[in-house]
């Protein structure tokens, strides 16, 4: 039976799986490794984030009142859903571990906000002790210098933690962008609750609508864009630097994040026609960001094609399968076929495993075996056989 893509009887796309054992399973040896400390570190991290999250939530309820905080929470879910859907689309080619994504979201919503609140409180105490009254200068300093620096450092440090803890899942700029975006949207969510809640405590409901439109509809990606800059640079570091060496990349990545954040805050304080500024400056920046994301996604597809072609040369895949797995069109057509034949989950598993295998291979050839790429490759090669069997409708090997 031919193992290249073909058309089924219904005229749809059919990636025929003819050879579930392209390489004898006995040749796949999964090396033993020491116990992975990631689980312990992640558990402690989530526990600390939960404590900080409860503290931040308590502060919001205390400052806004329970009713305003609840309504603001619901309103803030709208921009959160918009951004999460977009991030999911960006991340769908080679999805990041769900635990890492949740950690990033919680870091942004809790830890980053907590750090920013503490620093703001200390700054207010310092200003009061120095006898400095509120003025245009103090407002400008707080919005254009203090907030961008403190918030981007606190958010960016979360990406650096992910770089260190989930190192084997940090494969390049797209991964850094995704982690940065998750932290950014988490921070924006909590900040939106605060802004919406403060507006709700007043009597001007037109002001509530305006703030929701500005923050929830026009600029839900603002913090995402800022923090993604740091993530992208750390994504570059994942291919070039060690754990300690990433600190330098982290500091470099903070520069565009802080500059963009300061520019955004500064214009909101200086310009009188915010909507005109938004149309002339922010819309082009947003479109430029979309183009950059498209470029990064194409680069991921090229990595997938190049690395899977090497496995195809060794008999693990056919050239047709490589073409199908390394293009968005090929995957989409194959997915339609799989779902029509009730093989949606096996096909999704097969695609995910193949993609992770390609990036594990990329880590190997870029001399990053010390972070577990060799073990990951052997594990994924064993799994690809199981996935192929399921896709072919055959029982797993004993």
Protein backbone atom coordinates (compact mmCIF):
# COMPACT_ATOMS: atom_id res chain seq x y z
CA UNK A 1 0.00 0.00 0.00
CA UNK A 2 1.29 3.47 -0.84
CA UNK A 3 2.08 5.65 2.17
CA UNK A 4 1.86 9.04 0.48
CA UNK A 5 -1.12 11.39 0.83
CA UNK A 6 -4.03 10.48 -1.41
CA UNK A 7 -7.74 11.09 -1.85
CA UNK A 8 -10.28 8.91 -0.14
CA UNK A 9 -13.54 7.76 -1.66
CA UNK A 10 -15.27 10.95 -0.54
CA UNK A 11 -12.76 13.10 -2.39
CA UNK A 12 -11.14 14.36 0.82
CA UNK A 13 -7.50 14.46 1.86
CA UNK A 14 -6.21 11.19 3.24
CA UNK A 15 -2.77 10.78 4.80
CA UNK A 16 -2.57 6.98 4.45
CA UNK A 17 -0.65 5.37 7.29
CA UNK A 18 0.64 2.19 5.73
CA UNK A 19 3.76 1.32 7.68
CA UNK A 20 3.28 1.68 11.45
CA UNK A 21 6.80 0.33 12.08
CA UNK A 22 9.14 2.22 9.70
CA UNK A 23 12.04 1.46 12.05
CA UNK A 24 12.13 -1.63 14.28
CA UNK A 25 10.95 -0.70 17.74
CA UNK A 26 13.89 -2.58 19.24
CA UNK A 27 16.17 0.12 17.82
CA UNK A 28 14.51 2.77 19.96
CA UNK A 29 16.12 2.89 23.38
CA UNK A 30 14.94 5.50 25.82
CA UNK A 31 17.90 6.41 28.05
CA UNK A 32 17.34 6.64 31.74
CA UNK A 33 17.55 10.03 33.36
CA UNK A 34 17.70 11.28 36.90
CA UNK A 35 14.46 12.30 38.55
CA UNK A 36 13.18 15.54 37.03
CA UNK A 37 13.15 18.44 39.54
CA UNK A 38 10.72 20.45 37.39
CA UNK A 39 7.68 18.95 39.11
CA UNK A 40 8.88 19.98 42.56
CA UNK A 41 9.90 23.47 41.44
CA UNK A 42 6.64 23.98 39.55
CA UNK A 43 4.58 22.84 42.54
CA UNK A 44 6.32 25.29 44.84
CA UNK A 45 5.95 28.02 42.23
CA UNK A 46 2.23 27.47 41.83
CA UNK A 47 1.77 27.44 45.61
CA UNK A 48 3.54 30.78 45.97
CA UNK A 49 1.59 32.27 43.07
CA UNK A 50 -1.66 31.12 44.67
CA UNK A 51 -0.77 32.93 47.91
CA UNK A 52 0.17 36.10 46.05
CA UNK A 53 -2.97 35.83 43.92
CA UNK A 54 -5.20 35.66 46.99
CA UNK A 55 -3.42 38.69 48.45
CA UNK A 56 -3.88 40.72 45.25
CA UNK A 57 -7.55 39.71 45.01
CA UNK A 58 -8.10 40.73 48.65
CA UNK A 59 -6.49 44.09 47.95
CA UNK A 60 -8.77 44.70 44.96
CA UNK A 61 -11.90 43.79 46.90
CA UNK A 62 -10.78 46.05 49.78
CA UNK A 63 -9.95 48.98 47.47
CA UNK A 64 -12.94 48.68 45.13
CA UNK A 65 -15.63 47.03 47.17
CA UNK A 66 -16.99 43.56 46.49
CA UNK A 67 -19.71 44.67 44.06
CA UNK A 68 -17.49 46.86 41.89
CA UNK A 69 -14.70 44.28 41.96
CA UNK A 70 -17.08 41.52 40.81
CA UNK A 71 -18.49 43.57 37.92
CA UNK A 72 -14.99 44.71 36.94
CA UNK A 73 -13.82 41.09 37.00
CA UNK A 74 -16.56 40.11 34.54
CA UNK A 75 -15.79 43.05 32.25
CA UNK A 76 -12.07 42.19 32.29
CA UNK A 77 -12.86 38.70 31.00
CA UNK A 78 -13.73 40.17 27.58
CA UNK A 79 -10.24 41.42 26.59
CA UNK A 80 -8.75 38.37 28.35
CA UNK A 81 -10.73 36.03 26.08
CA UNK A 82 -9.73 38.02 22.97
CA UNK A 83 -6.04 37.81 23.75
CA UNK A 84 -6.07 34.17 24.92
CA UNK A 85 -7.73 33.15 21.67
CA UNK A 86 -5.04 34.96 19.69
CA UNK A 87 -2.22 33.44 21.74
CA UNK A 88 -3.71 29.98 21.24
CA UNK A 89 -3.64 30.56 17.49
CA UNK A 90 0.00 31.66 17.59
CA UNK A 91 0.96 28.69 19.77
CA UNK A 92 -0.92 26.00 17.88
CA UNK A 93 1.98 24.94 15.64
CA UNK A 94 4.16 23.66 18.47
CA UNK A 95 2.09 24.09 21.67
CA UNK A 96 3.81 24.87 24.93
CA UNK A 97 3.15 22.77 28.06
CA UNK A 98 -0.15 23.75 29.62
CA UNK A 99 1.44 24.02 33.07
CA UNK A 100 3.96 26.54 31.76
CA UNK A 101 1.23 28.61 30.11
CA UNK A 102 -0.87 28.65 33.29
CA UNK A 103 2.20 29.62 35.32
CA UNK A 104 2.86 32.51 32.91
CA UNK A 105 -0.74 33.72 33.15
CA UNK A 106 -0.72 33.57 36.95
CA UNK A 107 2.67 35.24 37.16
CA UNK A 108 1.36 38.17 35.17
CA UNK A 109 -1.95 38.40 37.02
CA UNK A 110 -0.55 37.94 40.53
CA UNK A 111 3.22 38.16 41.02
CA UNK A 112 3.90 41.00 38.56
CA UNK A 113 0.98 43.02 39.88
CA UNK A 114 2.02 42.36 43.47
CA UNK A 115 5.59 43.55 42.79
CA UNK A 116 4.28 46.67 41.03
CA UNK A 117 1.89 47.45 43.90
CA UNK A 118 4.60 47.07 46.54
CA UNK A 119 7.00 49.28 44.63
CA UNK A 120 4.28 51.89 44.07
CA UNK A 121 3.47 51.87 47.78
CA UNK A 122 7.14 52.35 48.68
CA UNK A 123 7.43 55.17 46.14
CA UNK A 124 4.40 56.92 47.63
CA UNK A 125 5.88 56.67 51.12
CA UNK A 126 9.18 58.05 49.83
CA UNK A 127 7.40 60.93 48.11
CA UNK A 128 5.46 61.76 51.28
CA UNK A 129 8.59 61.64 53.49
CA UNK A 130 10.38 63.90 51.02
CA UNK A 131 7.50 66.38 51.17
CA UNK A 132 6.86 66.25 47.41
CA UNK A 133 3.30 67.12 46.47
CA UNK A 134 1.45 65.56 43.56
CA UNK A 135 1.95 67.50 40.35
CA UNK A 136 2.14 67.06 36.61
CA UNK A 137 5.83 66.19 36.98
CA UNK A 138 5.22 63.45 39.56
CA UNK A 139 2.35 62.00 37.50
CA UNK A 140 4.50 62.04 34.36
CA UNK A 141 7.43 60.40 36.19
CA UNK A 142 5.18 57.70 37.63
CA UNK A 143 3.49 56.92 34.29
CA UNK A 144 6.41 57.26 31.88
CA UNK A 145 9.41 56.11 33.91
CA UNK A 146 8.45 54.27 37.09
CA UNK A 147 5.57 52.15 35.75
CA UNK A 148 7.27 50.94 32.54
CA UNK A 149 10.50 50.02 34.31
CA UNK A 150 8.96 48.31 37.34
CA UNK A 151 6.19 46.52 35.44
CA UNK A 152 8.35 45.27 32.56
CA UNK A 153 11.09 44.05 34.90
CA UNK A 154 8.56 42.21 37.06
CA UNK A 155 6.81 40.69 34.04
CA UNK A 156 10.05 39.89 32.24
CA UNK A 157 11.47 38.10 35.26
CA UNK A 158 8.60 35.64 34.95
CA UNK A 159 9.74 34.78 31.43
CA UNK A 160 13.29 34.33 32.71
CA UNK A 161 12.02 31.91 35.35
CA UNK A 162 10.22 29.93 32.67
CA UNK A 163 13.42 29.93 30.62
CA UNK A 164 15.28 28.35 33.52
CA UNK A 165 12.63 25.92 34.77
CA UNK A 166 11.03 24.83 31.47
CA UNK A 167 14.27 25.09 29.48
CA UNK A 168 13.62 22.04 27.31
CA UNK A 169 10.32 23.52 26.16
CA UNK A 170 11.81 26.92 25.31
CA UNK A 171 12.79 26.40 21.68
CA UNK A 172 12.87 29.83 20.09
CA UNK A 173 11.34 33.30 19.59
CA UNK A 174 7.78 32.03 19.14
CA UNK A 175 7.91 30.26 22.51
CA UNK A 176 9.25 33.41 24.15
CA UNK A 177 6.55 35.47 22.47
CA UNK A 178 3.84 33.11 23.74
CA UNK A 179 5.14 33.13 27.32
CA UNK A 180 5.55 36.91 27.24
CA UNK A 181 2.04 37.32 25.84
CA UNK A 182 0.54 35.12 28.56
CA UNK A 183 2.28 37.11 31.28
CA UNK A 184 1.27 40.37 29.60
CA UNK A 185 -2.40 39.45 29.33
CA UNK A 186 -2.41 38.23 32.94
CA UNK A 187 -1.05 41.58 34.11
CA UNK A 188 -3.52 43.48 31.90
CA UNK A 189 -6.40 41.42 33.29
CA UNK A 190 -5.71 42.41 36.89
CA UNK A 191 -4.97 45.98 35.90
CA UNK A 192 -8.26 46.11 33.98
CA UNK A 193 -10.13 44.91 37.05
CA UNK A 194 -8.58 47.81 38.96
CA UNK A 195 -9.33 50.43 36.28
CA UNK A 196 -12.85 49.20 35.60
CA UNK A 197 -13.56 48.94 39.32
CA UNK A 198 -12.36 52.47 40.03
CA UNK A 199 -14.58 53.78 37.25
CA UNK A 200 -17.54 51.83 38.64
CA UNK A 201 -17.14 53.40 42.07
CA UNK A 202 -18.04 56.78 40.54
CA UNK A 203 -21.35 57.96 39.15
CA UNK A 204 -20.23 58.75 35.58
CA UNK A 205 -21.27 55.61 33.68
CA UNK A 206 -20.22 57.19 30.39
CA UNK A 207 -16.69 57.17 31.80
CA UNK A 208 -17.02 53.45 32.53
CA UNK A 209 -17.98 52.77 28.92
CA UNK A 210 -15.09 54.89 27.63
CA UNK A 211 -12.49 53.15 29.79
CA UNK A 212 -13.83 49.74 28.80
CA UNK A 213 -13.67 50.71 25.12
CA UNK A 214 -10.14 52.10 25.42
CA UNK A 215 -8.65 49.26 27.45
CA UNK A 216 -10.87 46.31 26.57
CA UNK A 217 -11.48 46.86 22.87
CA UNK A 218 -8.86 49.25 21.45
CA UNK A 219 -5.80 48.15 23.41
CA UNK A 220 -6.15 44.61 24.81
CA UNK A 221 -2.76 43.75 23.26
CA UNK A 222 -0.78 46.68 24.72
CA UNK A 223 0.85 44.83 27.62
CA UNK A 224 1.10 41.73 25.45
CA UNK A 225 3.15 43.63 22.87
CA UNK A 226 5.45 45.16 25.49
CA UNK A 227 6.29 41.94 27.33
CA UNK A 228 6.47 39.88 24.15
CA UNK A 229 9.58 41.89 23.22
CA UNK A 230 11.41 40.49 26.24
CA UNK A 231 10.09 37.01 25.48
CA UNK A 232 11.25 37.10 21.86
CA UNK A 233 14.80 38.10 22.85
CA UNK A 234 14.88 35.31 25.46
CA UNK A 235 13.63 32.99 22.70
CA UNK A 236 16.73 33.95 20.71
CA UNK A 237 18.78 33.23 23.83
CA UNK A 238 17.31 29.73 24.01
CA UNK A 239 19.26 28.88 20.86
CA UNK A 240 22.48 30.61 21.77
CA UNK A 241 23.00 30.99 25.52
CA UNK A 242 23.23 28.96 28.70
CA UNK A 243 21.05 29.55 31.74
CA UNK A 244 23.34 32.23 33.17
CA UNK A 245 24.02 33.71 29.76
CA UNK A 246 20.31 34.37 29.31
CA UNK A 247 20.51 37.19 31.85
CA UNK A 248 22.26 39.39 29.31
CA UNK A 249 19.58 38.69 26.71
CA UNK A 250 16.94 39.38 29.37
CA UNK A 251 18.38 42.85 30.00
CA UNK A 252 18.51 43.53 26.26
CA UNK A 253 14.91 42.38 25.86
CA UNK A 254 13.78 44.77 28.57
CA UNK A 255 14.90 47.78 26.50
CA UNK A 256 12.25 47.61 23.72
CA UNK A 257 9.62 46.51 26.25
CA UNK A 258 10.26 49.52 28.51
CA UNK A 259 10.57 51.95 25.59
CA UNK A 260 7.28 50.85 24.01
CA UNK A 261 5.54 50.91 27.39
CA UNK A 262 6.90 54.38 28.19
CA UNK A 263 5.92 55.64 24.75
CA UNK A 264 2.37 54.32 25.19
CA UNK A 265 1.97 55.83 28.66
CA UNK A 266 3.66 59.07 27.66
CA UNK A 267 1.40 59.67 24.69
CA UNK A 268 -1.68 59.05 26.82
CA UNK A 269 -0.48 61.85 29.11
CA UNK A 270 0.77 64.28 26.45
CA UNK A 271 -1.50 64.05 23.39
CA UNK A 272 -4.92 65.67 23.34
CA UNK A 273 -6.31 63.55 20.47
CA UNK A 274 -5.72 60.02 21.72
CA UNK A 275 -7.83 58.40 19.00
CA UNK A 276 -5.87 60.19 16.27
CA UNK A 277 -2.60 59.09 17.88
CA UNK A 278 -3.90 55.55 18.18
CA UNK A 279 -4.80 55.43 14.48
CA UNK A 280 -1.55 56.96 13.23
CA UNK A 281 0.93 55.25 15.59
CA UNK A 282 -0.50 52.26 17.42
CA UNK A 283 -2.38 50.67 14.53
CA UNK A 284 0.74 50.52 12.32
CA UNK A 285 2.74 49.11 15.27
CA UNK A 286 0.07 46.46 15.77
CA UNK A 287 0.10 45.56 12.07
CA UNK A 288 3.89 45.36 12.19
CA UNK A 289 3.56 42.98 15.13
CA UNK A 290 1.18 40.77 13.13
CA UNK A 291 3.65 40.64 10.25
CA UNK A 292 6.46 39.71 12.64
CA UNK A 293 4.39 36.91 14.17
CA UNK A 294 3.69 35.58 10.67
CA UNK A 295 7.43 35.61 9.94
CA UNK A 296 8.17 33.68 13.14
CA UNK A 297 5.46 31.13 12.39
CA UNK A 298 6.93 30.52 8.94
CA UNK A 299 10.34 29.99 10.54
CA UNK A 300 8.81 27.30 12.79
CA UNK A 301 7.38 25.57 9.75
CA UNK A 302 10.80 25.56 8.06
CA UNK A 303 12.39 24.00 11.15
CA UNK A 304 9.69 21.31 11.15
CA UNK A 305 10.21 20.56 7.46
CA UNK A 306 14.01 20.42 7.67
CA UNK A 307 14.22 18.25 10.77
CA UNK A 308 11.46 15.81 9.79
CA UNK A 309 13.13 15.41 6.40
CA UNK A 310 16.14 14.04 8.26
CA UNK A 311 13.94 11.48 10.00
CA UNK A 312 12.32 10.66 6.67
CA UNK A 313 15.76 9.84 5.28
CA UNK A 314 16.11 7.33 8.14
CA UNK A 315 12.72 5.79 7.42
CA UNK A 316 10.60 7.29 10.16
CA UNK A 317 8.37 9.34 7.84
CA UNK A 318 7.52 9.47 4.18
CA UNK A 319 8.15 12.56 2.08
CA UNK A 320 4.39 12.99 1.79
CA UNK A 321 4.00 12.97 5.56
CA UNK A 322 6.76 15.55 5.93
CA UNK A 323 5.01 17.81 3.42
CA UNK A 324 1.72 17.37 5.25
CA UNK A 325 3.17 17.96 8.73
CA UNK A 326 5.24 21.01 7.81
CA UNK A 327 2.56 23.15 6.16
CA UNK A 328 -0.55 24.72 7.64
CA UNK A 329 -2.56 23.78 4.54
CA UNK A 330 -1.43 20.18 4.69
CA UNK A 331 -2.33 19.88 8.35
CA UNK A 332 -5.72 21.49 7.82
CA UNK A 333 -6.66 19.15 4.97
CA UNK A 334 -5.42 16.11 6.88
CA UNK A 335 -7.32 17.22 9.97
CA UNK A 336 -10.55 17.35 7.98
CA UNK A 337 -9.94 13.82 6.76
CA UNK A 338 -9.10 12.58 10.27
CA UNK A 339 -12.19 14.12 11.83
CA UNK A 340 -14.39 12.72 9.07
CA UNK A 341 -13.07 9.25 9.92
CA UNK A 342 -13.31 9.81 13.68
CA UNK A 343 -9.54 9.92 14.02
CA UNK A 344 -9.28 13.53 15.17
CA UNK A 345 -7.52 12.82 18.45
CA UNK A 346 -5.04 10.23 17.06
CA UNK A 347 -4.15 12.64 14.26
CA UNK A 348 -3.70 15.52 16.73
CA UNK A 349 -1.44 13.32 18.88
CA UNK A 350 0.57 12.22 15.82
CA UNK A 351 1.00 15.82 14.65
CA UNK A 352 1.97 17.10 18.09
CA UNK A 353 4.51 14.32 18.64
CA UNK A 354 6.07 14.81 15.20
CA UNK A 355 6.41 18.55 15.74
CA UNK A 356 7.99 18.12 19.16
CA UNK A 357 10.33 15.56 17.64
CA UNK A 358 11.43 18.09 15.04
CA UNK A 359 12.24 20.67 17.71
CA UNK A 360 14.00 18.10 19.89
CA UNK A 361 16.17 17.36 16.86
CA UNK A 362 16.78 21.08 16.45
CA UNK A 363 18.06 21.22 20.02
CA UNK A 364 20.35 18.28 19.33
CA UNK A 365 21.98 19.75 16.25
CA UNK A 366 22.42 23.10 18.00
CA UNK A 367 24.45 21.46 20.79
CA UNK A 368 21.76 21.77 23.44
CA UNK A 369 21.75 18.07 24.39
CA UNK A 370 22.65 18.98 27.97
CA UNK A 371 19.05 20.08 28.55
CA UNK A 372 17.64 16.66 27.74
CA UNK A 373 17.19 16.75 23.96
CA UNK A 374 18.63 13.25 23.48
CA UNK A 375 16.25 11.75 26.00
CA UNK A 376 13.36 13.71 24.48
CA UNK A 377 14.21 12.46 20.99
CA UNK A 378 14.27 8.81 22.06
CA UNK A 379 11.01 9.21 23.99
CA UNK A 380 9.28 10.91 21.06
CA UNK A 381 10.52 8.33 18.56
CA UNK A 382 8.96 5.63 20.71
CA UNK A 383 5.76 7.65 21.01
CA UNK A 384 5.50 8.33 17.27
CA UNK A 385 5.18 4.59 16.68
CA UNK A 386 2.32 4.38 19.18
CA UNK A 387 0.62 7.40 17.64
CA UNK A 388 1.00 5.94 14.17
CA UNK A 389 -0.59 2.69 15.29
CA UNK A 390 -3.57 4.55 16.76
CA UNK A 391 -3.96 6.58 13.59
CA UNK A 392 -3.92 3.39 11.55
CA UNK A 393 -6.57 1.87 13.82
CA UNK A 394 -4.18 -0.79 15.14
CA UNK A 395 -3.68 -1.85 18.78
CA UNK A 396 -0.54 -0.64 20.58
CA UNK A 397 2.50 -2.86 20.67
CA UNK A 398 2.79 -5.14 23.72
